[in-house]
């Protein structure tokens, strides 16, 4: 398990957890990535990713590999609702 510095936002304790990431690239939603190792602040929830994890997420999200599952979600424009 990787050791992390204190949170840069609130100085809280950061420990490694497995998280789910809504991965976006260039404003486009590409994938949901599960079981991603991240440092998570126990106070404010800020997440920190090691460089090799970010590179692996990018590679996986852009790959043509068959996904585990697919979901469909509605998209709304807040401007039209408010």
N, C-alpha and C. Protein backbone atom coordinates (compact mmCIF):
# COMPACT_ATOMS: atom_id res chain seq x y z
N UNK A 1 0.84 -1.18 0.00
CA UNK A 1 0.00 0.00 0.00
C UNK A 1 0.89 1.25 0.00
N UNK A 2 0.57 2.18 -0.85
CA UNK A 2 1.34 3.41 -1.02
C UNK A 2 1.06 4.37 0.13
N UNK A 3 2.11 5.07 0.57
CA UNK A 3 1.97 6.09 1.61
C UNK A 3 1.79 7.44 0.92
N UNK A 4 0.87 8.25 1.41
CA UNK A 4 0.57 9.55 0.82
C UNK A 4 0.88 10.66 1.82
N UNK A 5 1.17 11.85 1.29
CA UNK A 5 1.34 13.04 2.11
C UNK A 5 -0.04 13.47 2.62
N UNK A 6 -0.08 14.45 3.50
CA UNK A 6 -1.34 15.00 3.96
C UNK A 6 -2.06 15.68 2.80
N UNK A 7 -3.35 15.80 2.91
CA UNK A 7 -4.18 16.44 1.89
C UNK A 7 -3.73 17.88 1.66
N UNK A 8 -3.57 18.24 0.41
CA UNK A 8 -3.13 19.60 0.09
C UNK A 8 -4.24 20.63 0.30
N UNK A 9 -5.49 20.17 0.39
CA UNK A 9 -6.61 21.10 0.59
C UNK A 9 -6.89 21.37 2.05
N UNK A 10 -6.96 20.29 2.86
CA UNK A 10 -7.38 20.48 4.25
C UNK A 10 -6.37 19.94 5.27
N UNK A 11 -5.28 19.37 4.78
CA UNK A 11 -4.23 18.78 5.63
C UNK A 11 -4.69 17.52 6.36
N UNK A 12 -5.78 16.91 5.89
CA UNK A 12 -6.28 15.68 6.49
C UNK A 12 -5.41 14.48 6.14
N UNK A 13 -5.65 13.37 6.81
CA UNK A 13 -4.92 12.13 6.57
C UNK A 13 -5.41 11.49 5.28
N UNK A 14 -4.47 11.07 4.43
CA UNK A 14 -4.79 10.43 3.14
C UNK A 14 -4.36 8.97 3.21
N UNK A 15 -5.31 8.08 2.92
CA UNK A 15 -4.98 6.66 2.89
C UNK A 15 -5.42 6.06 1.56
N UNK A 16 -4.77 4.97 1.17
CA UNK A 16 -5.11 4.34 -0.10
C UNK A 16 -6.38 3.53 0.04
N UNK A 17 -7.28 3.74 -0.94
CA UNK A 17 -8.54 3.01 -1.04
C UNK A 17 -8.74 2.64 -2.50
N UNK A 18 -9.70 1.79 -2.75
CA UNK A 18 -10.11 1.46 -4.12
C UNK A 18 -11.38 2.26 -4.41
N UNK A 19 -11.36 3.03 -5.50
CA UNK A 19 -12.47 3.92 -5.83
C UNK A 19 -13.01 3.63 -7.22
N UNK A 20 -14.17 4.19 -7.52
CA UNK A 20 -14.76 4.14 -8.86
C UNK A 20 -14.60 5.52 -9.47
N UNK A 21 -14.12 5.56 -10.71
CA UNK A 21 -13.82 6.83 -11.39
C UNK A 21 -14.68 6.98 -12.64
N UNK A 22 -15.37 8.12 -12.76
CA UNK A 22 -16.05 8.48 -14.01
C UNK A 22 -14.98 9.14 -14.86
N UNK A 23 -14.45 8.42 -15.84
CA UNK A 23 -13.29 8.89 -16.59
C UNK A 23 -13.73 9.73 -17.79
N UNK A 24 -13.20 10.93 -17.85
CA UNK A 24 -13.50 11.87 -18.95
C UNK A 24 -12.20 12.31 -19.60
N UNK A 25 -12.27 12.55 -20.90
CA UNK A 25 -11.11 13.02 -21.65
C UNK A 25 -11.59 14.03 -22.67
N UNK A 26 -11.03 15.23 -22.63
CA UNK A 26 -11.41 16.27 -23.60
C UNK A 26 -12.89 16.61 -23.54
N UNK A 27 -13.46 16.58 -22.35
CA UNK A 27 -14.87 16.92 -22.20
C UNK A 27 -15.83 15.80 -22.52
N UNK A 28 -15.31 14.64 -22.93
CA UNK A 28 -16.17 13.50 -23.26
C UNK A 28 -16.09 12.45 -22.16
N UNK A 29 -17.24 11.90 -21.81
CA UNK A 29 -17.29 10.81 -20.85
C UNK A 29 -16.91 9.53 -21.59
N UNK A 30 -15.85 8.86 -21.13
CA UNK A 30 -15.37 7.65 -21.82
C UNK A 30 -15.73 6.35 -21.13
N UNK A 31 -15.64 6.32 -19.80
CA UNK A 31 -15.84 5.04 -19.12
C UNK A 31 -15.99 5.23 -17.62
N UNK A 32 -16.53 4.20 -17.00
CA UNK A 32 -16.51 4.07 -15.55
C UNK A 32 -15.44 3.04 -15.24
N UNK A 33 -14.48 3.42 -14.42
CA UNK A 33 -13.39 2.52 -14.05
C UNK A 33 -13.55 2.14 -12.59
N UNK A 34 -13.63 0.86 -12.32
CA UNK A 34 -13.81 0.38 -10.95
C UNK A 34 -12.51 -0.13 -10.36
N UNK A 35 -12.44 -0.12 -9.05
CA UNK A 35 -11.33 -0.71 -8.30
C UNK A 35 -10.00 0.00 -8.58
N UNK A 36 -10.04 1.32 -8.73
CA UNK A 36 -8.85 2.12 -9.01
C UNK A 36 -8.18 2.51 -7.69
N UNK A 37 -6.87 2.24 -7.54
CA UNK A 37 -6.19 2.66 -6.32
C UNK A 37 -6.00 4.17 -6.29
N UNK A 38 -6.39 4.79 -5.18
CA UNK A 38 -6.28 6.24 -5.03
C UNK A 38 -6.05 6.57 -3.57
N UNK A 39 -5.33 7.66 -3.34
CA UNK A 39 -5.22 8.20 -2.00
C UNK A 39 -6.45 9.04 -1.74
N UNK A 40 -7.18 8.76 -0.68
CA UNK A 40 -8.42 9.47 -0.38
C UNK A 40 -8.30 10.16 0.98
N UNK A 41 -8.54 11.47 0.99
CA UNK A 41 -8.49 12.22 2.23
C UNK A 41 -9.65 11.79 3.12
N UNK A 42 -9.34 11.42 4.33
CA UNK A 42 -10.35 10.96 5.26
C UNK A 42 -11.19 12.10 5.84
N UNK A 43 -10.77 13.34 5.58
CA UNK A 43 -11.50 14.50 6.08
C UNK A 43 -12.42 15.10 5.01
N UNK A 44 -11.87 15.42 3.82
CA UNK A 44 -12.67 16.12 2.80
C UNK A 44 -13.01 15.27 1.58
N UNK A 45 -12.39 14.09 1.44
CA UNK A 45 -12.71 13.21 0.33
C UNK A 45 -11.91 13.44 -0.95
N UNK A 46 -11.01 14.42 -0.96
CA UNK A 46 -10.18 14.67 -2.15
C UNK A 46 -9.43 13.38 -2.51
N UNK A 47 -9.33 13.11 -3.81
CA UNK A 47 -8.66 11.89 -4.28
C UNK A 47 -7.36 12.24 -5.00
N UNK A 48 -6.34 11.42 -4.76
CA UNK A 48 -5.02 11.59 -5.37
C UNK A 48 -4.65 10.30 -6.08
N UNK A 49 -4.14 10.44 -7.32
CA UNK A 49 -3.75 9.29 -8.12
C UNK A 49 -2.27 9.35 -8.44
N UNK A 50 -1.58 8.23 -8.33
CA UNK A 50 -0.17 8.15 -8.72
C UNK A 50 -0.09 8.23 -10.25
N UNK A 51 1.03 8.70 -10.76
CA UNK A 51 1.21 8.90 -12.21
C UNK A 51 0.97 7.61 -12.98
N UNK A 52 1.48 6.49 -12.48
CA UNK A 52 1.31 5.23 -13.20
C UNK A 52 -0.15 4.77 -13.23
N UNK A 53 -0.92 5.15 -12.22
CA UNK A 53 -2.35 4.83 -12.19
C UNK A 53 -3.09 5.67 -13.23
N UNK A 54 -2.74 6.96 -13.32
CA UNK A 54 -3.38 7.84 -14.31
C UNK A 54 -3.10 7.33 -15.73
N UNK A 55 -1.86 6.93 -16.00
CA UNK A 55 -1.52 6.40 -17.32
C UNK A 55 -2.29 5.12 -17.62
N UNK A 56 -2.43 4.25 -16.62
CA UNK A 56 -3.17 3.00 -16.81
C UNK A 56 -4.66 3.27 -17.03
N UNK A 57 -5.22 4.27 -16.32
CA UNK A 57 -6.63 4.62 -16.52
C UNK A 57 -6.85 5.13 -17.93
N UNK A 58 -5.96 5.99 -18.41
CA UNK A 58 -6.08 6.52 -19.77
C UNK A 58 -6.03 5.40 -20.80
N UNK A 59 -5.08 4.51 -20.64
CA UNK A 59 -4.92 3.39 -21.58
C UNK A 59 -6.17 2.51 -21.59
N UNK A 60 -6.68 2.18 -20.41
CA UNK A 60 -7.86 1.33 -20.31
C UNK A 60 -9.10 2.01 -20.88
N UNK A 61 -9.31 3.28 -20.56
CA UNK A 61 -10.49 4.00 -21.03
C UNK A 61 -10.51 4.18 -22.54
N UNK A 62 -9.33 4.28 -23.15
CA UNK A 62 -9.24 4.47 -24.60
C UNK A 62 -9.08 3.16 -25.36
N UNK A 63 -8.97 2.06 -24.65
CA UNK A 63 -8.74 0.77 -25.30
C UNK A 63 -10.01 0.27 -26.00
N UNK A 64 -9.84 -0.65 -26.87
CA UNK A 64 -10.96 -1.30 -27.57
C UNK A 64 -11.33 -2.60 -26.86
N UNK A 65 -10.75 -2.81 -25.68
CA UNK A 65 -11.01 -4.02 -24.90
C UNK A 65 -12.49 -4.10 -24.56
N UNK A 66 -13.04 -5.30 -24.59
CA UNK A 66 -14.45 -5.49 -24.27
C UNK A 66 -14.69 -5.12 -22.80
N UNK A 67 -15.69 -4.28 -22.58
CA UNK A 67 -15.99 -3.83 -21.22
C UNK A 67 -16.75 -4.91 -20.45
N UNK A 68 -16.68 -4.80 -19.14
CA UNK A 68 -17.37 -5.73 -18.24
C UNK A 68 -18.88 -5.57 -18.35
N UNK A 69 -19.34 -4.33 -18.53
CA UNK A 69 -20.76 -4.02 -18.63
C UNK A 69 -20.92 -2.66 -19.28
N UNK A 70 -22.15 -2.33 -19.67
CA UNK A 70 -22.45 -1.02 -20.23
C UNK A 70 -23.68 -0.49 -19.52
N UNK A 71 -23.72 0.85 -19.38
CA UNK A 71 -24.88 1.50 -18.77
C UNK A 71 -25.33 2.65 -19.66
N UNK A 72 -26.60 2.98 -19.54
CA UNK A 72 -27.14 4.14 -20.24
C UNK A 72 -27.67 5.08 -19.17
N UNK A 73 -27.34 6.36 -19.28
CA UNK A 73 -27.82 7.35 -18.32
C UNK A 73 -28.41 8.54 -19.05
N UNK A 74 -29.46 9.14 -18.50
CA UNK A 74 -30.04 10.32 -19.12
C UNK A 74 -29.12 11.53 -18.92
N UNK A 75 -29.17 12.46 -19.86
CA UNK A 75 -28.40 13.70 -19.77
C UNK A 75 -29.37 14.86 -19.86
N UNK A 76 -29.30 15.77 -18.89
CA UNK A 76 -30.18 16.92 -18.86
C UNK A 76 -29.38 18.20 -18.91
N UNK A 77 -29.96 19.25 -19.48
CA UNK A 77 -29.37 20.57 -19.45
C UNK A 77 -29.98 21.33 -18.27
N UNK A 78 -29.16 21.69 -17.32
CA UNK A 78 -29.64 22.39 -16.13
C UNK A 78 -30.27 23.73 -16.50
N UNK A 79 -29.72 24.38 -17.52
CA UNK A 79 -30.22 25.69 -17.94
C UNK A 79 -31.70 25.60 -18.34
N UNK A 80 -32.08 24.48 -18.96
CA UNK A 80 -33.46 24.33 -19.43
C UNK A 80 -34.41 23.95 -18.29
N UNK A 81 -33.87 23.43 -17.20
CA UNK A 81 -34.70 23.00 -16.07
C UNK A 81 -34.90 24.14 -15.07
N UNK A 82 -33.84 24.92 -14.88
CA UNK A 82 -33.87 25.96 -13.83
C UNK A 82 -34.71 27.15 -14.20
